[in-house]
Amino acid sequence: MNTQHLTAEQVKSIQVGFINKVYGWMALALAITGFVALRTANSGLIDVIAGNQILFFGIIIAELGLVVWLSSRIDHMNATKAISLFLLYSALNGLTFSILFLVYTSGSIASTFFITAGTFGVMSAYGYFTKTDLTSIGNIAFMGLIGIIIASVVNMFWHNETLYWGITYIGVLIFVGLTAYDTQKIKKMSLELDINSEEGSKGAIMGALALYLDFINLFIMLLRIFGQRK
């Protein structure tokens, strides 16, 4: 999009419109995840998922496959398909998140959600309004993310409590940083795409996916800290 001849107010309007669309899709995905998780936790399906490791890890693999497919192939699919895959991913995530209700009390899950929402909101606002280029923070956070993924896999076999808590606290910092960085990146993206075009719709979905992943991972890390185990 050529922004050279746009006024400051027009640029602001474009950015606000695009970010609102991104947040709309993210909020819908979070609502679907929460609804599916709660309904599953209150039904017999939770016992099936918790009692069958093959099914549980099969759902996780399906989730990872959907994210990879959506991220790598979105240029070759239409917006309707991209939206469907994104919402399907959020529903599958709800199935795996239902396990959290077996581990933590409902009250601590709810309170941690609001803590996450507040933290996420502050950092997203910072990423939107700051004049500082957050690219270096994003790069550092991404490298840190790779590090904690590797450390988490290692700790699945090692079961080291110190490493577990190290991953948790570092993870909070990483996803706080990624929230601000991804918001700033989405703000810049808004001026490169026509919000009413096919590409604009797909761009909004990719932005929503990035923020959705930041939110749920921040939630998981904070739940480890604030969650009250049953």
Protein backbone atom coordinates (compact mmCIF):
# COMPACT_ATOMS: atom_id res chain seq x y z
CA MET A 1 0.00 0.00 0.00
CA ASN A 2 1.31 3.43 -0.95
CA THR A 3 1.13 5.62 2.17
CA GLN A 4 3.12 8.58 0.85
CA HIS A 5 0.01 10.60 0.04
CA LEU A 6 -1.96 9.68 3.16
CA THR A 7 -2.45 12.03 6.07
CA ALA A 8 -1.43 11.08 9.60
CA GLU A 9 -5.10 10.58 10.49
CA GLN A 10 -5.63 8.25 7.52
CA VAL A 11 -2.57 6.20 8.46
CA LYS A 12 -3.81 5.95 12.05
CA SER A 13 -7.26 4.88 10.85
CA ILE A 14 -5.76 2.11 8.70
CA GLN A 15 -3.59 0.86 11.55
CA VAL A 16 -6.43 0.88 14.08
CA GLY A 17 -8.77 -0.89 11.65
CA PHE A 18 -6.27 -3.63 10.93
CA ILE A 19 -5.24 -4.19 14.57
CA ASN A 20 -8.92 -4.34 15.57
CA LYS A 21 -9.49 -7.04 12.97
CA VAL A 22 -6.47 -8.98 14.25
CA TYR A 23 -7.66 -8.70 17.85
CA GLY A 24 -11.15 -9.74 16.80
CA TRP A 25 -9.91 -13.01 15.32
CA MET A 26 -7.59 -13.60 18.30
CA ALA A 27 -10.42 -13.01 20.78
CA LEU A 28 -12.69 -15.41 18.87
CA ALA A 29 -9.96 -18.09 18.88
CA LEU A 30 -9.41 -17.65 22.64
CA ALA A 31 -13.16 -17.88 23.24
CA ILE A 32 -13.35 -21.13 21.23
CA THR A 33 -10.36 -22.58 23.12
CA GLY A 34 -11.89 -21.67 26.48
CA PHE A 35 -15.35 -22.98 25.53
CA VAL A 36 -14.03 -26.30 24.22
CA ALA A 37 -11.70 -26.73 27.23
CA LEU A 38 -14.49 -26.07 29.73
CA ARG A 39 -17.04 -28.28 27.99
CA THR A 40 -14.51 -31.09 27.62
CA ALA A 41 -13.47 -30.81 31.29
CA ASN A 42 -17.13 -31.15 32.33
CA SER A 43 -17.79 -34.20 30.18
CA GLY A 44 -16.62 -37.80 29.94
CA LEU A 45 -14.33 -36.83 27.07
CA ILE A 46 -11.74 -35.51 29.54
CA ASP A 47 -11.24 -39.05 30.91
CA VAL A 48 -10.77 -40.40 27.39
CA ILE A 49 -8.12 -37.79 26.54
CA ALA A 50 -6.33 -38.02 29.90
CA GLY A 51 -6.38 -41.81 29.89
CA ASN A 52 -5.11 -42.31 26.35
CA GLN A 53 -1.59 -40.98 25.74
CA ILE A 54 -1.71 -41.90 22.06
CA LEU A 55 -4.85 -39.80 21.58
CA PHE A 56 -3.46 -36.91 23.66
CA PHE A 57 -0.18 -36.69 21.79
CA GLY A 58 -2.01 -37.31 18.52
CA ILE A 59 -4.04 -34.13 19.14
CA ILE A 60 -0.85 -32.20 19.96
CA ILE A 61 0.81 -33.43 16.76
CA ALA A 62 -2.30 -32.43 14.80
CA GLU A 63 -2.13 -28.94 16.36
CA LEU A 64 1.54 -28.53 15.45
CA GLY A 65 0.81 -29.77 11.93
CA LEU A 66 -1.99 -27.24 11.50
CA VAL A 67 0.21 -24.34 12.67
CA VAL A 68 3.06 -25.34 10.36
CA TRP A 69 0.69 -25.88 7.43
CA LEU A 70 -1.12 -22.59 7.98
CA SER A 71 2.11 -20.60 8.44
CA SER A 72 3.95 -22.09 5.47
CA ARG A 73 1.09 -22.49 2.97
CA ILE A 74 -1.14 -19.48 3.66
CA ASP A 75 0.03 -17.77 0.44
CA HIS A 76 -1.40 -20.73 -1.50
CA MET A 77 -4.85 -20.83 0.15
CA ASN A 78 -7.80 -18.48 0.24
CA ALA A 79 -8.80 -16.46 3.30
CA THR A 80 -11.77 -18.71 4.11
CA LYS A 81 -9.55 -21.78 4.34
CA ALA A 82 -6.99 -19.89 6.45
CA ILE A 83 -9.72 -18.78 8.86
CA SER A 84 -11.12 -22.32 9.08
CA LEU A 85 -7.71 -23.81 9.89
CA PHE A 86 -7.03 -21.13 12.51
CA LEU A 87 -10.35 -21.75 14.26
CA LEU A 88 -9.90 -25.53 14.01
CA TYR A 89 -6.50 -25.15 15.67
CA SER A 90 -8.04 -23.13 18.51
CA ALA A 91 -10.67 -25.85 19.04
CA LEU A 92 -8.04 -28.62 19.15
CA ASN A 93 -6.09 -26.51 21.60
CA GLY A 94 -9.18 -26.44 23.79
CA LEU A 95 -9.15 -30.25 23.93
CA THR A 96 -5.58 -30.35 25.24
CA PHE A 97 -6.14 -27.37 27.56
CA SER A 98 -8.98 -29.28 29.22
CA ILE A 99 -6.31 -31.33 31.01
CA LEU A 100 -5.42 -28.20 33.00
CA PHE A 101 -8.73 -28.56 34.87
CA LEU A 102 -7.51 -31.91 36.21
CA VAL A 103 -4.29 -30.35 37.52
CA TYR A 104 -5.31 -26.87 38.72
CA THR A 105 -8.35 -25.48 40.52
CA SER A 106 -10.89 -23.62 38.40
CA GLY A 107 -10.45 -20.50 40.52
CA SER A 108 -6.70 -20.32 39.95
CA ILE A 109 -7.15 -20.95 36.22
CA ALA A 110 -9.62 -18.04 36.05
CA SER A 111 -7.45 -15.67 38.10
CA THR A 112 -4.36 -16.55 36.04
CA PHE A 113 -6.33 -15.85 32.87
CA PHE A 114 -7.05 -12.31 34.07
CA ILE A 115 -3.41 -11.84 35.11
CA THR A 116 -2.38 -12.99 31.64
CA ALA A 117 -4.91 -10.71 29.95
CA GLY A 118 -3.67 -7.72 31.92
CA THR A 119 0.01 -8.45 31.23
CA PHE A 120 -0.69 -9.16 27.57
CA GLY A 121 -2.73 -5.97 27.21
CA VAL A 122 -0.02 -3.76 28.73
CA MET A 123 2.76 -5.25 26.58
CA SER A 124 0.65 -5.16 23.42
CA ALA A 125 -0.16 -1.50 24.07
CA TYR A 126 3.53 -0.82 24.58
CA GLY A 127 4.37 -2.52 21.29
CA TYR A 128 1.71 -0.47 19.50
CA PHE A 129 2.55 2.96 20.89
CA THR A 130 6.33 2.85 21.40
CA LYS A 131 8.57 4.63 18.90
CA THR A 132 11.45 2.25 19.71
CA ASP A 133 12.25 -0.42 17.13
CA LEU A 134 11.65 -3.75 18.88
CA THR A 135 13.28 -5.92 16.19
CA SER A 136 16.31 -6.73 18.35
CA ILE A 137 14.04 -7.69 21.27
CA GLY A 138 12.02 -9.90 18.93
CA ASN A 139 15.16 -11.64 17.67
CA ILE A 140 16.46 -12.24 21.20
CA ALA A 141 13.05 -13.52 22.33
CA PHE A 142 12.86 -15.88 19.34
CA MET A 143 16.30 -17.32 20.11
CA GLY A 144 15.23 -17.68 23.74
CA LEU A 145 12.09 -19.48 22.60
CA ILE A 146 14.16 -22.04 20.72
CA GLY A 147 16.27 -22.45 23.85
CA ILE A 148 13.37 -23.13 26.20
CA ILE A 149 11.79 -25.55 23.70
CA ILE A 150 15.01 -27.59 23.66
CA ALA A 151 15.34 -27.33 27.44
CA SER A 152 11.70 -28.42 27.88
CA VAL A 153 12.24 -31.51 25.73
CA VAL A 154 15.39 -32.39 27.71
CA ASN A 155 13.56 -31.90 31.01
CA MET A 156 10.83 -34.31 29.94
CA PHE A 157 13.42 -37.01 30.56
CA TRP A 158 15.54 -35.29 33.23
CA HIS A 159 12.70 -34.06 35.50
CA ASN A 160 14.88 -31.36 37.06
CA GLU A 161 12.82 -28.96 39.19
CA THR A 162 15.39 -26.14 38.98
CA LEU A 163 15.38 -26.33 35.19
CA TYR A 164 11.57 -26.47 35.22
CA TRP A 165 11.29 -23.19 37.12
CA GLY A 166 14.08 -21.61 35.08
CA ILE A 167 12.17 -22.41 31.89
CA THR A 168 9.00 -21.01 33.45
CA TYR A 169 10.36 -17.62 34.50
CA ILE A 170 12.45 -17.17 31.35
CA GLY A 171 9.38 -18.19 29.34
CA VAL A 172 7.34 -15.38 30.90
CA LEU A 173 9.99 -12.85 29.85
CA ILE A 174 10.18 -14.32 26.34
CA PHE A 175 6.43 -14.19 25.67
CA VAL A 176 6.13 -10.72 27.21
CA GLY A 177 8.80 -9.56 24.75
CA LEU A 178 7.22 -11.39 21.82
CA THR A 179 3.82 -9.83 22.58
CA ALA A 180 5.24 -6.31 22.26
CA TYR A 181 7.32 -7.22 19.19
CA ASP A 182 4.51 -9.02 17.35
CA THR A 183 2.11 -6.12 18.00
CA GLN A 184 4.60 -3.65 16.54
CA LYS A 185 5.15 -5.95 13.55
CA ILE A 186 1.39 -6.19 12.96
CA LYS A 187 1.11 -2.39 13.15
CA LYS A 188 3.75 -2.08 10.42
CA MET A 189 2.06 -4.82 8.38
CA SER A 190 -1.19 -2.85 8.37
CA LEU A 191 0.35 -0.29 6.01
CA GLU A 192 1.55 -2.97 3.60
CA LEU A 193 -1.80 -4.67 3.07
CA ASP A 194 -5.28 -3.63 1.99
CA ILE A 195 -7.48 -4.68 4.91
CA ASN A 196 -10.41 -5.33 2.55
CA SER A 197 -8.43 -7.57 0.18
CA GLU A 198 -7.84 -11.31 0.27
CA GLU A 199 -4.22 -10.71 1.27
CA GLY A 200 -5.32 -8.31 3.99
CA SER A 201 -7.66 -10.92 5.46
CA LYS A 202 -4.93 -13.56 5.46
CA GLY A 203 -2.50 -11.08 7.00
CA ALA A 204 -4.97 -10.45 9.81
CA ILE A 205 -5.24 -14.18 10.45
CA MET A 206 -1.46 -14.57 10.64
CA GLY A 207 -1.29 -11.63 13.02
CA ALA A 208 -4.06 -13.13 15.16
CA LEU A 209 -2.25 -16.49 15.21
CA ALA A 210 0.99 -14.85 16.41
CA LEU A 211 -0.76 -12.98 19.23
CA TYR A 212 -2.87 -16.02 20.12
CA LEU A 213 0.26 -18.14 20.51
CA ASP A 214 1.88 -15.41 22.62
CA PHE A 215 -1.18 -15.27 24.88
CA ILE A 216 -1.67 -18.99 25.48
CA ASN A 217 2.02 -19.63 26.08
CA LEU A 218 2.22 -16.71 28.51
CA PHE A 219 -0.88 -18.12 30.21
CA ILE A 220 0.73 -21.54 30.61
CA MET A 221 3.91 -20.07 32.10
CA LEU A 222 1.98 -17.86 34.52
CA LEU A 223 -0.29 -20.77 35.48
CA ARG A 224 2.79 -22.70 36.58
CA ILE A 225 3.60 -19.81 38.92
CA PHE A 226 0.14 -18.76 40.16
CA GLY A 227 -1.90 -21.92 39.61
CA GLN A 228 -3.13 -23.80 42.66
CA ARG A 229 -2.77 -27.53 42.12
CA LYS A 230 -5.51 -29.90 43.18
